[in-house]
Amino acid sequence: MIGVSQDRRGLTLTLRLTQTLTALTLASLLLTGCGGDAKSEEAASDGDKKKEEEVALPVEVSKASSGLITATLTSTSTLEAEEQASVVAKVSGVVTKLFVEEGQMVKAGDPLIQLDTERLQLEVARAESNLAKLASDRDRTKQLFEKKLVSSDAYDKIKFEYDSLKASHDLAKLDLAYGTVRAPISGVVSKRMVKVGNMVQLNQPVFEITDFDPLLAVIHVPERELAKLTLNQAAVITVDARRDQLYPARILRISPIIDAASGTFKVTLAVNDSKRELKPGMFGRVAVTYAQHDNAVLIAKDAVLNEDGETAVFVIRDNKAYRTPVETGFTDDKHMEILKGIAANDLVVTTGQNSLKHEASVQVLNP
């Protein structure tokens, strides 16, 4: 019995040892398989990264050119007329006729409206009749005075009466002339304030006339720019109503006084508008040219990057983008002058440069 028990115990130990070795073997196989998968995934990830690094980024480019660029001072202004007159009636009366309408050109002295002058005509006729009678009395008194038949006092008195009546006659004729309201200046009728049949009172405004030649643009310039401006200096003006049109202008007046509160001085420009497309009150943008560079290296303004205090562009060579520091000069609406860093005909990135790194591979989209 003892022998049989010992054999069973040995068999049990053998089975347990076999099971343990089998479990260890399976665990080892599982670990080996997992390790292989991890390595495979890592290798695949490295391959994907390499592929991503090799992907060419799409960009648009343009060539640096050589040309002229100007330096300008810019400001804004509301256009105004050099001369503007409010026409008033110098006598009262009813409007019987209109000679002009808004928008018409007139010259100084042209009739604008006609007032009813019937009463004024009668007053002139009465004054002329009285003046003629008194002139006859004066001449007769003069003859008597020369014959010493009347005193000098009597002769002086009638001369005074004649001169006084003549002045009244001249005033009546002047009022009659004022019955036709005339333009005080040449220009354009910018506003009509009366209609036919209206009763116009003395000194009542009836028209406004604006002289559009020239139109003025007044700007206020910082005093540090004073040395850059001179009389007759060229400028251009744009207005919102005609955004694509440039109107030439020149500096007409420069104020000799600096405003202490704002640190600016007043500059008045005359605008050349031969087609009369501009109107007083229009909002304008003024650019005064004070310097220019010929044969400058020019690139599109959009190509320039300003980061960390450095100005740079991306230059394309062999389908790679190279970040290149540049030194800039004058700037206008579309271009920037490059003083140092690139040359004419270099290809620079104009779209997509914000996502580029130095020596990145690129694909140029535009030809």
Foldseek 3Di string as FASTA:
>chain_A
DVVVVVVVVVVVVVVVVVVVVVVVVVVVVVVVVVVVVVVVVVVVVVVVVVVVQQDAAEFAWDFWAWWKDFFWDKDKFFKDFPDKDFFAQQAWAAWAAADDDAFDWDAFFAFGTAGDCPVLVVQLVVLVVVLVVLVVVLVVVVVCVVVVNDDPVVNVVSVVVNVVSVVSNVVSVVSSVSSGGGHRHTAGFHDADDDGGDIGHHGHGGTMGGHVQDMKTKDWAAPVCVVLDDFQFKKWKAFPVHRVDIWIKTWHDWDPDADPVVNTTMIMITTDDVVPPDDGRTMMMMITTRGMDGRFTKDFPLQWDQDPNFIWWWWDDPQWTATWTFDWDHDDPTITTTPDTDDGRTMTTRPPPVPDDGRRGHDHDDD
